[in-house]
Amino acid sequence: MFACWGDFEHRATNTDTVVVATPDRETAEMLIAAGAAHRPPYFRGAWVGLTLDGLDAEEARHRIATSYARIRAGLTKTAQADLPPLED
């Protein structure tokens, strides 16, 4: 999982937030301290919550792509080989 949109019961109506992984805990703390993200419930370490209202589309794309790349890098080489190539 590289992004969390909400629990099953509320996913269809969640227009508030998405949770993504950052490259490391320090990046997460910096984003939270800067007010660009918040500490999401139930997630620890390098995970942050992004408030969707007012979030720049390019910033959202960057954060989701970064999260995906981080989680993908942790997969086995065999699992990674089964996935399409990463986009630049």
N, C-alpha and C. Protein backbone atom coordinates (compact mmCIF):
# COMPACT_ATOMS: atom_id res chain seq x y z
N MET A 1 0.85 -1.17 0.00
CA MET A 1 0.00 0.00 0.00
C MET A 1 0.90 1.24 0.00
N PHE A 2 0.63 2.13 -0.94
CA PHE A 2 1.42 3.36 -0.99
C PHE A 2 0.59 4.61 -0.72
N ALA A 3 -0.74 4.44 -0.67
CA ALA A 3 -1.62 5.56 -0.34
C ALA A 3 -2.88 5.01 0.30
N CYS A 4 -3.43 5.75 1.22
CA CYS A 4 -4.65 5.32 1.90
C CYS A 4 -5.68 6.44 1.77
N TRP A 5 -6.80 6.10 1.19
CA TRP A 5 -7.85 7.08 0.94
C TRP A 5 -8.90 7.09 2.03
N GLY A 6 -8.91 6.11 2.88
CA GLY A 6 -9.88 6.04 3.97
C GLY A 6 -10.35 4.61 4.16
N ASP A 7 -11.00 4.38 5.27
CA ASP A 7 -11.48 3.03 5.53
C ASP A 7 -12.62 2.72 4.57
N PHE A 8 -12.96 1.45 4.45
CA PHE A 8 -13.92 0.97 3.46
C PHE A 8 -15.26 1.70 3.54
N GLU A 9 -15.77 1.88 4.73
CA GLU A 9 -17.08 2.49 4.90
C GLU A 9 -17.13 3.95 4.45
N HIS A 10 -16.01 4.65 4.53
CA HIS A 10 -16.01 6.08 4.23
C HIS A 10 -15.24 6.45 2.96
N ARG A 11 -14.66 5.48 2.29
CA ARG A 11 -13.81 5.77 1.13
C ARG A 11 -14.55 6.53 0.04
N ALA A 12 -15.78 6.15 -0.25
CA ALA A 12 -16.53 6.79 -1.34
C ALA A 12 -16.86 8.25 -1.05
N THR A 13 -16.92 8.62 0.21
CA THR A 13 -17.28 9.99 0.56
C THR A 13 -16.10 10.80 1.11
N ASN A 14 -14.91 10.22 1.15
CA ASN A 14 -13.74 10.94 1.67
C ASN A 14 -13.27 11.97 0.65
N THR A 15 -13.48 13.21 0.95
CA THR A 15 -12.98 14.29 0.11
C THR A 15 -12.01 15.16 0.90
N ASP A 16 -11.59 14.68 2.06
CA ASP A 16 -10.77 15.49 2.95
C ASP A 16 -9.28 15.24 2.87
N THR A 17 -8.88 13.97 2.84
CA THR A 17 -7.47 13.67 3.04
C THR A 17 -7.04 12.37 2.37
N VAL A 18 -5.77 12.29 2.06
CA VAL A 18 -5.14 11.05 1.61
C VAL A 18 -3.83 10.92 2.39
N VAL A 19 -3.47 9.69 2.74
CA VAL A 19 -2.25 9.43 3.50
C VAL A 19 -1.23 8.78 2.57
N VAL A 20 -0.01 9.31 2.57
CA VAL A 20 1.06 8.79 1.70
C VAL A 20 2.35 8.63 2.50
N ALA A 21 3.26 7.83 1.97
CA ALA A 21 4.58 7.66 2.58
C ALA A 21 5.53 8.72 2.01
N THR A 22 6.41 9.20 2.87
CA THR A 22 7.47 10.11 2.43
C THR A 22 8.77 9.31 2.38
N PRO A 23 9.83 9.87 1.80
CA PRO A 23 11.08 9.12 1.72
C PRO A 23 11.65 8.69 3.08
N ASP A 24 11.41 9.50 4.11
CA ASP A 24 11.95 9.19 5.43
C ASP A 24 11.20 9.98 6.50
N ARG A 25 11.47 9.65 7.73
CA ARG A 25 10.81 10.31 8.86
C ARG A 25 11.13 11.81 8.92
N GLU A 26 12.33 12.18 8.56
CA GLU A 26 12.73 13.58 8.60
C GLU A 26 11.90 14.41 7.62
N THR A 27 11.65 13.87 6.43
CA THR A 27 10.82 14.57 5.45
C THR A 27 9.40 14.72 5.97
N ALA A 28 8.88 13.67 6.58
CA ALA A 28 7.54 13.73 7.15
C ALA A 28 7.47 14.82 8.22
N GLU A 29 8.43 14.86 9.11
CA GLU A 29 8.45 15.86 10.17
C GLU A 29 8.56 17.27 9.61
N MET A 30 9.35 17.44 8.55
CA MET A 30 9.51 18.75 7.93
C MET A 30 8.19 19.20 7.30
N LEU A 31 7.49 18.30 6.59
CA LEU A 31 6.21 18.65 5.96
C LEU A 31 5.16 19.00 7.02
N ILE A 32 5.16 18.25 8.11
CA ILE A 32 4.21 18.53 9.19
C ILE A 32 4.52 19.87 9.85
N ALA A 33 5.79 20.12 10.15
CA ALA A 33 6.19 21.38 10.78
C ALA A 33 5.89 22.58 9.88
N ALA A 34 6.01 22.40 8.56
CA ALA A 34 5.76 23.48 7.62
C ALA A 34 4.28 23.70 7.36
N GLY A 35 3.45 22.79 7.86
CA GLY A 35 2.01 22.91 7.64
C GLY A 35 1.54 22.37 6.31
N ALA A 36 2.43 21.70 5.58
CA ALA A 36 2.06 21.13 4.28
C ALA A 36 1.39 19.77 4.42
N ALA A 37 1.46 19.18 5.61
CA ALA A 37 0.87 17.87 5.87
C ALA A 37 0.51 17.79 7.34
N HIS A 38 -0.21 16.74 7.70
CA HIS A 38 -0.53 16.52 9.11
C HIS A 38 -0.21 15.09 9.49
N ARG A 39 -0.11 14.86 10.78
CA ARG A 39 0.17 13.53 11.30
C ARG A 39 -1.14 12.73 11.25
N PRO A 40 -1.19 11.68 10.44
CA PRO A 40 -2.44 10.93 10.31
C PRO A 40 -2.63 9.93 11.45
N PRO A 41 -3.88 9.71 11.84
CA PRO A 41 -4.12 8.70 12.87
C PRO A 41 -3.79 7.31 12.32
N TYR A 42 -3.31 6.45 13.15
CA TYR A 42 -3.02 5.04 12.84
C TYR A 42 -1.77 4.83 11.99
N PHE A 43 -1.11 5.88 11.54
CA PHE A 43 0.11 5.73 10.75
C PHE A 43 1.27 6.32 11.54
N ARG A 44 2.44 5.76 11.38
CA ARG A 44 3.62 6.21 12.12
C ARG A 44 4.80 6.44 11.17
N GLY A 45 5.82 7.05 11.68
CA GLY A 45 7.07 7.19 10.94
C GLY A 45 6.97 8.15 9.78
N ALA A 46 7.23 7.66 8.60
CA ALA A 46 7.36 8.50 7.41
C ALA A 46 6.03 8.74 6.69
N TRP A 47 4.90 8.41 7.31
CA TRP A 47 3.60 8.61 6.68
C TRP A 47 3.02 9.97 7.08
N VAL A 48 2.40 10.67 6.11
CA VAL A 48 1.75 11.96 6.37
C VAL A 48 0.37 11.99 5.72
N GLY A 49 -0.47 12.83 6.29
CA GLY A 49 -1.78 13.07 5.70
C GLY A 49 -1.74 14.37 4.92
N LEU A 50 -2.32 14.34 3.73
CA LEU A 50 -2.42 15.54 2.90
C LEU A 50 -3.88 15.96 2.83
N THR A 51 -4.16 17.20 3.16
CA THR A 51 -5.51 17.73 3.05
C THR A 51 -5.76 18.08 1.60
N LEU A 52 -6.81 17.51 1.03
CA LEU A 52 -7.05 17.65 -0.40
C LEU A 52 -7.54 19.04 -0.79
N ASP A 53 -8.31 19.67 0.07
CA ASP A 53 -8.83 20.99 -0.24
C ASP A 53 -7.67 21.98 -0.37
N GLY A 54 -7.49 22.52 -1.54
CA GLY A 54 -6.42 23.48 -1.77
C GLY A 54 -5.08 22.87 -2.14
N LEU A 55 -4.98 21.55 -2.17
CA LEU A 55 -3.71 20.90 -2.53
C LEU A 55 -3.45 21.06 -4.02
N ASP A 56 -2.30 21.59 -4.36
CA ASP A 56 -1.89 21.76 -5.74
C ASP A 56 -1.80 20.40 -6.43
N ALA A 57 -2.32 20.29 -7.63
CA ALA A 57 -2.33 19.01 -8.36
C ALA A 57 -0.93 18.47 -8.59
N GLU A 58 0.01 19.33 -8.89
CA GLU A 58 1.39 18.88 -9.12
C GLU A 58 2.03 18.39 -7.82
N GLU A 59 1.74 19.07 -6.72
CA GLU A 59 2.25 18.62 -5.41
C GLU A 59 1.65 17.27 -5.05
N ALA A 60 0.36 17.08 -5.31
CA ALA A 60 -0.29 15.79 -5.04
C ALA A 60 0.35 14.70 -5.89
N ARG A 61 0.57 14.97 -7.18
CA ARG A 61 1.21 13.98 -8.06
C ARG A 61 2.59 13.61 -7.55
N HIS A 62 3.36 14.60 -7.15
CA HIS A 62 4.71 14.36 -6.64
C HIS A 62 4.69 13.50 -5.37
N ARG A 63 3.83 13.85 -4.43
CA ARG A 63 3.76 13.10 -3.16
C ARG A 63 3.30 11.66 -3.38
N ILE A 64 2.32 11.45 -4.25
CA ILE A 64 1.85 10.09 -4.52
C ILE A 64 2.92 9.29 -5.27
N ALA A 65 3.58 9.90 -6.25
CA ALA A 65 4.65 9.21 -6.98
C ALA A 65 5.82 8.86 -6.06
N THR A 66 6.17 9.76 -5.16
CA THR A 66 7.24 9.50 -4.20
C THR A 66 6.87 8.34 -3.28
N SER A 67 5.63 8.33 -2.83
CA SER A 67 5.16 7.26 -1.96
C SER A 67 5.22 5.92 -2.69
N TYR A 68 4.72 5.90 -3.92
CA TYR A 68 4.73 4.67 -4.71
C TYR A 68 6.15 4.16 -4.91
N ALA A 69 7.07 5.05 -5.27
CA ALA A 69 8.47 4.65 -5.50
C ALA A 69 9.09 4.08 -4.23
N ARG A 70 8.80 4.68 -3.09
CA ARG A 70 9.36 4.19 -1.82
C ARG A 70 8.85 2.79 -1.50
N ILE A 71 7.57 2.58 -1.61
CA ILE A 71 7.00 1.28 -1.30
C ILE A 71 7.45 0.25 -2.33
N ARG A 72 7.46 0.62 -3.59
CA ARG A 72 7.89 -0.29 -4.66
C ARG A 72 9.34 -0.75 -4.44
N ALA A 73 10.20 0.17 -4.00
CA ALA A 73 11.61 -0.17 -3.77
C ALA A 73 11.77 -1.23 -2.70
N GLY A 74 10.80 -1.34 -1.81
CA GLY A 74 10.87 -2.34 -0.74
C GLY A 74 10.38 -3.72 -1.16
N LEU A 75 9.83 -3.83 -2.37
CA LEU A 75 9.38 -5.14 -2.85
C LEU A 75 10.57 -5.98 -3.28
N THR A 76 10.35 -7.27 -3.36
CA THR A 76 11.41 -8.14 -3.87
C THR A 76 11.68 -7.80 -5.33
N LYS A 77 12.86 -8.14 -5.82
CA LYS A 77 13.21 -7.88 -7.22
C LYS A 77 12.25 -8.61 -8.15
N THR A 78 11.81 -9.79 -7.76
CA THR A 78 10.85 -10.54 -8.57
C THR A 78 9.53 -9.80 -8.67
N ALA A 79 9.04 -9.30 -7.56
CA ALA A 79 7.79 -8.55 -7.56
C ALA A 79 7.94 -7.26 -8.37
N GLN A 80 9.08 -6.59 -8.24
CA GLN A 80 9.30 -5.37 -8.99
C GLN A 80 9.32 -5.63 -10.50
N ALA A 81 9.90 -6.77 -10.89
CA ALA A 81 9.99 -7.12 -12.30
C ALA A 81 8.62 -7.34 -12.93
N ASP A 82 7.64 -7.70 -12.13
CA ASP A 82 6.28 -7.92 -12.62
C ASP A 82 5.50 -6.63 -12.83
N LEU A 83 6.06 -5.51 -12.38
CA LEU A 83 5.37 -4.21 -12.48
C LEU A 83 5.84 -3.45 -13.71
N PRO A 84 5.00 -2.57 -14.24
CA PRO A 84 5.46 -1.74 -15.37
C PRO A 84 6.57 -0.81 -14.92
N PRO A 85 7.38 -0.32 -15.85
CA PRO A 85 8.48 0.58 -15.47
C PRO A 85 7.95 1.85 -14.82
N LEU A 86 8.76 2.41 -13.93
CA LEU A 86 8.41 3.69 -13.31
C LEU A 86 8.48 4.81 -14.34
N GLU A 87 7.54 5.74 -14.24
CA GLU A 87 7.57 6.91 -15.10
C GLU A 87 8.48 7.95 -14.48
N ASP A 88 9.07 8.79 -15.32
CA ASP A 88 9.93 9.89 -14.82
C ASP A 88 9.11 11.05 -14.38
